[in-house]
Amino acid sequence: MAYYDSKGTPYTKYDAQNDRGARERMFAYTKGDPTVPAIVVNGEYVQSGWGSPPHG
């Protein structure tokens, strides 16, 4: 999140651990991959985890 904050890129954070609906949506994007974060840009799944450089 610090990366996106430093770039001034807005994002929405969801709690997939404690919010069942958020977890189900994440799994739908990632095809069941539990790695967080699941990065989704404009409704398209980009990756799970932090890449180098971060995508977004």
PDB file of N, CA and C in Angstrom:
ATOM      1  N   MET A   1       0.824  -1.186   0.000  1.00  0.00           N
ATOM      2  CA  MET A   1       0.000   0.000   0.000  1.00  0.00           C
ATOM      3  C   MET A   1       0.874   1.258   0.000  1.00  0.00           C
ATOM      4  N   ALA A   2       2.023   1.176   0.651  1.00  0.00           N
ATOM      5  CA  ALA A   2       2.920   2.334   0.680  1.00  0.00           C
ATOM      6  C   ALA A   2       3.336   2.728  -0.738  1.00  0.00           C
ATOM      7  N   TYR A   3       3.530   1.727  -1.609  1.00  0.00           N
ATOM      8  CA  TYR A   3       3.899   2.008  -2.997  1.00  0.00           C
ATOM      9  C   TYR A   3       2.805   2.840  -3.670  1.00  0.00           C
ATOM     10  N   TYR A   4       1.569   2.393  -3.560  1.00  0.00           N
ATOM     11  CA  TYR A   4       0.470   3.115  -4.193  1.00  0.00           C
ATOM     12  C   TYR A   4       0.270   4.479  -3.555  1.00  0.00           C
ATOM     13  N   ASP A   5       0.426   4.568  -2.241  1.00  0.00           N
ATOM     14  CA  ASP A   5       0.339   5.859  -1.560  1.00  0.00           C
ATOM     15  C   ASP A   5       1.407   6.818  -2.088  1.00  0.00           C
ATOM     16  N   SER A   6       2.633   6.322  -2.259  1.00  0.00           N
ATOM     17  CA  SER A   6       3.733   7.183  -2.724  1.00  0.00           C
ATOM     18  C   SER A   6       3.501   7.686  -4.143  1.00  0.00           C
ATOM     19  N   LYS A   7       2.747   6.918  -4.938  1.00  0.00           N
ATOM     20  CA  LYS A   7       2.451   7.309  -6.317  1.00  0.00           C
ATOM     21  C   LYS A   7       1.155   8.108  -6.427  1.00  0.00           C
ATOM     22  N   GLY A   8       0.438   8.237  -5.309  1.00  0.00           N
ATOM     23  CA  GLY A   8      -0.843   8.941  -5.340  1.00  0.00           C
ATOM     24  C   GLY A   8      -1.926   8.158  -6.044  1.00  0.00           C
ATOM     25  N   THR A   9      -1.767   6.845  -6.129  1.00  0.00           N
ATOM     26  CA  THR A   9      -2.734   5.990  -6.805  1.00  0.00           C
ATOM     27  C   THR A   9      -3.832   5.580  -5.832  1.00  0.00           C
ATOM     28  N   PRO A  10      -5.073   5.919  -6.133  1.00  0.00           N
ATOM     29  CA  PRO A  10      -6.161   5.519  -5.235  1.00  0.00           C
ATOM     30  C   PRO A  10      -6.406   4.013  -5.310  1.00  0.00           C
ATOM     31  N   TYR A  11      -6.816   3.437  -4.217  1.00  0.00           N
ATOM     32  CA  TYR A  11      -7.125   2.009  -4.164  1.00  0.00           C
ATOM     33  C   TYR A  11      -8.174   1.771  -3.094  1.00  0.00           C
ATOM     34  N   THR A  12      -8.774   0.611  -3.168  1.00  0.00           N
ATOM     35  CA  THR A  12      -9.739   0.188  -2.156  1.00  0.00           C
ATOM     36  C   THR A  12      -9.189  -1.064  -1.501  1.00  0.00           C
ATOM     37  N   LYS A  13      -9.196  -1.077  -0.194  1.00  0.00           N
ATOM     38  CA  LYS A  13      -8.675  -2.211   0.575  1.00  0.00           C
ATOM     39  C   LYS A  13      -9.842  -3.029   1.101  1.00  0.00           C
ATOM     40  N   TYR A  14      -9.786  -4.343   0.900  1.00  0.00           N
ATOM     41  CA  TYR A  14     -10.803  -5.258   1.398  1.00  0.00           C
ATOM     42  C   TYR A  14     -10.152  -6.237   2.359  1.00  0.00           C
ATOM     43  N   ASP A  15     -10.872  -6.691   3.356  1.00  0.00           N
ATOM     44  CA  ASP A  15     -10.363  -7.615   4.360  1.00  0.00           C
ATOM     45  C   ASP A  15     -10.841  -9.026   4.037  1.00  0.00           C
ATOM     46  N   ALA A  16     -10.068  -9.741   3.213  1.00  0.00           N
ATOM     47  CA  ALA A  16     -10.455 -11.086   2.791  1.00  0.00           C
ATOM     48  C   ALA A  16     -10.335 -12.105   3.919  1.00  0.00           C
ATOM     49  N   GLN A  17      -9.618 -11.762   4.968  1.00  0.00           N
ATOM     50  CA  GLN A  17      -9.484 -12.692   6.087  1.00  0.00           C
ATOM     51  C   GLN A  17     -10.741 -12.704   6.943  1.00  0.00           C
ATOM     52  N   ASN A  18     -11.324 -11.543   7.172  1.00  0.00           N
ATOM     53  CA  ASN A  18     -12.457 -11.442   8.094  1.00  0.00           C
ATOM     54  C   ASN A  18     -13.803 -11.182   7.424  1.00  0.00           C
ATOM     55  N   ASP A  19     -13.805 -10.919   6.124  1.00  0.00           N
ATOM     56  CA  ASP A  19     -15.043 -10.630   5.396  1.00  0.00           C
ATOM     57  C   ASP A  19     -15.256 -11.747   4.371  1.00  0.00           C
ATOM     58  N   ARG A  20     -16.222 -12.604   4.664  1.00  0.00           N
ATOM     59  CA  ARG A  20     -16.469 -13.777   3.809  1.00  0.00           C
ATOM     60  C   ARG A  20     -16.764 -13.379   2.364  1.00  0.00           C
ATOM     61  N   GLY A  21     -17.550 -12.332   2.155  1.00  0.00           N
ATOM     62  CA  GLY A  21     -17.873 -11.881   0.802  1.00  0.00           C
ATOM     63  C   GLY A  21     -16.630 -11.410   0.057  1.00  0.00           C
ATOM     64  N   ALA A  22     -15.761 -10.671   0.743  1.00  0.00           N
ATOM     65  CA  ALA A  22     -14.518 -10.205   0.121  1.00  0.00           C
ATOM     66  C   ALA A  22     -13.633 -11.392  -0.239  1.00  0.00           C
ATOM     67  N   ARG A  23     -13.583 -12.395   0.631  1.00  0.00           N
ATOM     68  CA  ARG A  23     -12.775 -13.592   0.379  1.00  0.00           C
ATOM     69  C   ARG A  23     -13.301 -14.336  -0.849  1.00  0.00           C
ATOM     70  N   GLU A  24     -14.621 -14.481  -0.954  1.00  0.00           N
ATOM     71  CA  GLU A  24     -15.214 -15.167  -2.108  1.00  0.00           C
ATOM     72  C   GLU A  24     -14.920 -14.419  -3.405  1.00  0.00           C
ATOM     73  N   ARG A  25     -15.013 -13.082  -3.374  1.00  0.00           N
ATOM     74  CA  ARG A  25     -14.700 -12.289  -4.568  1.00  0.00           C
ATOM     75  C   ARG A  25     -13.219 -12.431  -4.940  1.00  0.00           C
ATOM     76  N   MET A  26     -12.346 -12.432  -3.917  1.00  0.00           N
ATOM     77  CA  MET A  26     -10.925 -12.586  -4.182  1.00  0.00           C
ATOM     78  C   MET A  26     -10.660 -13.936  -4.848  1.00  0.00           C
ATOM     79  N   PHE A  27     -11.228 -15.018  -4.299  1.00  0.00           N
ATOM     80  CA  PHE A  27     -11.023 -16.336  -4.871  1.00  0.00           C
ATOM     81  C   PHE A  27     -11.584 -16.429  -6.288  1.00  0.00           C
ATOM     82  N   ALA A  28     -12.650 -15.724  -6.571  1.00  0.00           N
ATOM     83  CA  ALA A  28     -13.198 -15.721  -7.928  1.00  0.00           C
ATOM     84  C   ALA A  28     -12.194 -15.090  -8.899  1.00  0.00           C
ATOM     85  N   TYR A  29     -11.528 -14.017  -8.477  1.00  0.00           N
ATOM     86  CA  TYR A  29     -10.513 -13.377  -9.321  1.00  0.00           C
ATOM     87  C   TYR A  29      -9.281 -14.251  -9.463  1.00  0.00           C
ATOM     88  N   THR A  30      -8.843 -14.875  -8.360  1.00  0.00           N
ATOM     89  CA  THR A  30      -7.559 -15.576  -8.336  1.00  0.00           C
ATOM     90  C   THR A  30      -7.663 -17.066  -8.632  1.00  0.00           C
ATOM     91  N   LYS A  31      -8.867 -17.539  -8.905  1.00  0.00           N
ATOM     92  CA  LYS A  31      -9.112 -18.971  -9.129  1.00  0.00           C
ATOM     93  C   LYS A  31      -8.667 -19.800  -7.928  1.00  0.00           C
ATOM     94  N   GLY A  32      -8.934 -19.264  -6.733  1.00  0.00           N
ATOM     95  CA  GLY A  32      -8.678 -19.993  -5.496  1.00  0.00           C
ATOM     96  C   GLY A  32      -7.327 -19.748  -4.857  1.00  0.00           C
ATOM     97  N   ASP A  33      -6.467 -18.932  -5.453  1.00  0.00           N
ATOM     98  CA  ASP A  33      -5.152 -18.640  -4.868  1.00  0.00           C
ATOM     99  C   ASP A  33      -5.350 -17.774  -3.627  1.00  0.00           C
ATOM    100  N   PRO A  34      -4.912 -18.239  -2.449  1.00  0.00           N
ATOM    101  CA  PRO A  34      -5.127 -17.479  -1.224  1.00  0.00           C
ATOM    102  C   PRO A  34      -4.068 -16.409  -0.952  1.00  0.00           C
ATOM    103  N   THR A  35      -3.090 -16.252  -1.847  1.00  0.00           N
ATOM    104  CA  THR A  35      -2.029 -15.271  -1.638  1.00  0.00           C
ATOM    105  C   THR A  35      -2.599 -13.863  -1.662  1.00  0.00           C
ATOM    106  N   VAL A  36      -2.216 -13.069  -0.670  1.00  0.00           N
ATOM    107  CA  VAL A  36      -2.648 -11.678  -0.617  1.00  0.00           C
ATOM    108  C   VAL A  36      -1.440 -10.762  -0.729  1.00  0.00           C
ATOM    109  N   PRO A  37      -1.620  -9.574  -1.239  1.00  0.00           N
ATOM    110  CA  PRO A  37      -2.875  -9.073  -1.765  1.00  0.00           C
ATOM    111  C   PRO A  37      -3.164  -9.627  -3.153  1.00  0.00           C
ATOM    112  N   ALA A  38      -4.434  -9.666  -3.490  1.00  0.00           N
ATOM    113  CA  ALA A  38      -4.857  -9.951  -4.859  1.00  0.00           C
ATOM    114  C   ALA A  38      -5.074  -8.579  -5.497  1.00  0.00           C
ATOM    115  N   ILE A  39      -4.284  -8.258  -6.492  1.00  0.00           N
ATOM    116  CA  ILE A  39      -4.346  -6.934  -7.108  1.00  0.00           C
ATOM    117  C   ILE A  39      -5.251  -7.004  -8.329  1.00  0.00           C
ATOM    118  N   VAL A  40      -6.302  -6.185  -8.301  1.00  0.00           N
ATOM    119  CA  VAL A  40      -7.289  -6.117  -9.368  1.00  0.00           C
ATOM    120  C   VAL A  40      -7.359  -4.659  -9.820  1.00  0.00           C
ATOM    121  N   VAL A  41      -7.192  -4.421 -11.111  1.00  0.00           N
ATOM    122  CA  VAL A  41      -7.224  -3.066 -11.656  1.00  0.00           C
ATOM    123  C   VAL A  41      -8.352  -2.978 -12.661  1.00  0.00           C
ATOM    124  N   ASN A  42      -9.271  -2.065 -12.418  1.00  0.00           N
ATOM    125  CA  ASN A  42     -10.417  -1.871 -13.316  1.00  0.00           C
ATOM    126  C   ASN A  42     -11.140  -3.174 -13.606  1.00  0.00           C
ATOM    127  N   GLY A  43     -11.316  -4.000 -12.566  1.00  0.00           N
ATOM    128  CA  GLY A  43     -12.055  -5.237 -12.697  1.00  0.00           C
ATOM    129  C   GLY A  43     -11.276  -6.398 -13.291  1.00  0.00           C
ATOM    130  N   GLU A  44      -9.979  -6.208 -13.574  1.00  0.00           N
ATOM    131  CA  GLU A  44      -9.158  -7.275 -14.135  1.00  0.00           C
ATOM    132  C   GLU A  44      -8.075  -7.675 -13.149  1.00  0.00           C
ATOM    133  N   TYR A  45      -7.986  -8.972 -12.907  1.00  0.00           N
ATOM    134  CA  TYR A  45      -6.984  -9.522 -12.001  1.00  0.00           C
ATOM    135  C   TYR A  45      -5.593  -9.328 -12.583  1.00  0.00           C
ATOM    136  N   VAL A  46      -4.683  -8.760 -11.792  1.00  0.00           N
ATOM    137  CA  VAL A  46      -3.311  -8.506 -12.237  1.00  0.00           C
ATOM    138  C   VAL A  46      -2.364  -9.558 -11.670  1.00  0.00           C
ATOM    139  N   GLN A  47      -2.390  -9.743 -10.346  1.00  0.00           N
ATOM    140  CA  GLN A  47      -1.488 -10.705  -9.716  1.00  0.00           C
ATOM    141  C   GLN A  47      -1.838 -10.857  -8.251  1.00  0.00           C
ATOM    142  N   SER A  48      -1.282 -11.895  -7.642  1.00  0.00           N
ATOM    143  CA  SER A  48      -1.355 -12.076  -6.197  1.00  0.00           C
ATOM    144  C   SER A  48       0.029 -11.837  -5.634  1.00  0.00           C
ATOM    145  N   GLY A  49       0.100 -11.203  -4.485  1.00  0.00           N
ATOM    146  CA  GLY A  49       1.380 -10.880  -3.865  1.00  0.00           C
ATOM    147  C   GLY A  49       1.944  -9.595  -4.437  1.00  0.00           C
ATOM    148  N   TRP A  50       3.042  -9.153  -3.834  1.00  0.00           N
ATOM    149  CA  TRP A  50       3.682  -7.925  -4.288  1.00  0.00           C
ATOM    150  C   TRP A  50       4.763  -8.275  -5.284  1.00  0.00           C
ATOM    151  N   GLY A  51       4.645  -7.774  -6.495  1.00  0.00           N
ATOM    152  CA  GLY A  51       5.642  -8.021  -7.528  1.00  0.00           C
ATOM    153  C   GLY A  51       6.764  -7.003  -7.437  1.00  0.00           C
ATOM    154  N   SER A  52       7.694  -7.103  -8.338  1.00  0.00           N
ATOM    155  CA  SER A  52       8.803  -6.173  -8.371  1.00  0.00           C
ATOM    156  C   SER A  52       9.040  -5.757  -9.818  1.00  0.00           C
ATOM    157  N   PRO A  53       8.643  -4.539 -10.176  1.00  0.00           N
ATOM    158  CA  PRO A  53       7.987  -3.535  -9.337  1.00  0.00           C
ATOM    159  C   PRO A  53       6.514  -3.871  -9.139  1.00  0.00           C
ATOM    160  N   PRO A  54       5.899  -3.296  -8.119  1.00  0.00           N
ATOM    161  CA  PRO A  54       4.462  -3.534  -7.907  1.00  0.00           C
ATOM    162  C   PRO A  54       3.665  -3.077  -9.128  1.00  0.00           C
ATOM    163  N   HIS A  55       2.645  -3.823  -9.438  1.00  0.00           N
ATOM    164  CA  HIS A  55       1.752  -3.470 -10.548  1.00  0.00           C
ATOM    165  C   HIS A  55       0.621  -2.609 -10.018  1.00  0.00           C
ATOM    166  N   GLY A  56      -0.024  -1.864 -10.884  1.00  0.00           N
ATOM    167  CA  GLY A  56      -1.189  -1.114 -10.465  1.00  0.00           C
ATOM    168  C   GLY A  56      -1.454   0.064 -11.343  1.00  0.00           C
TER     169      GLY A  56
END
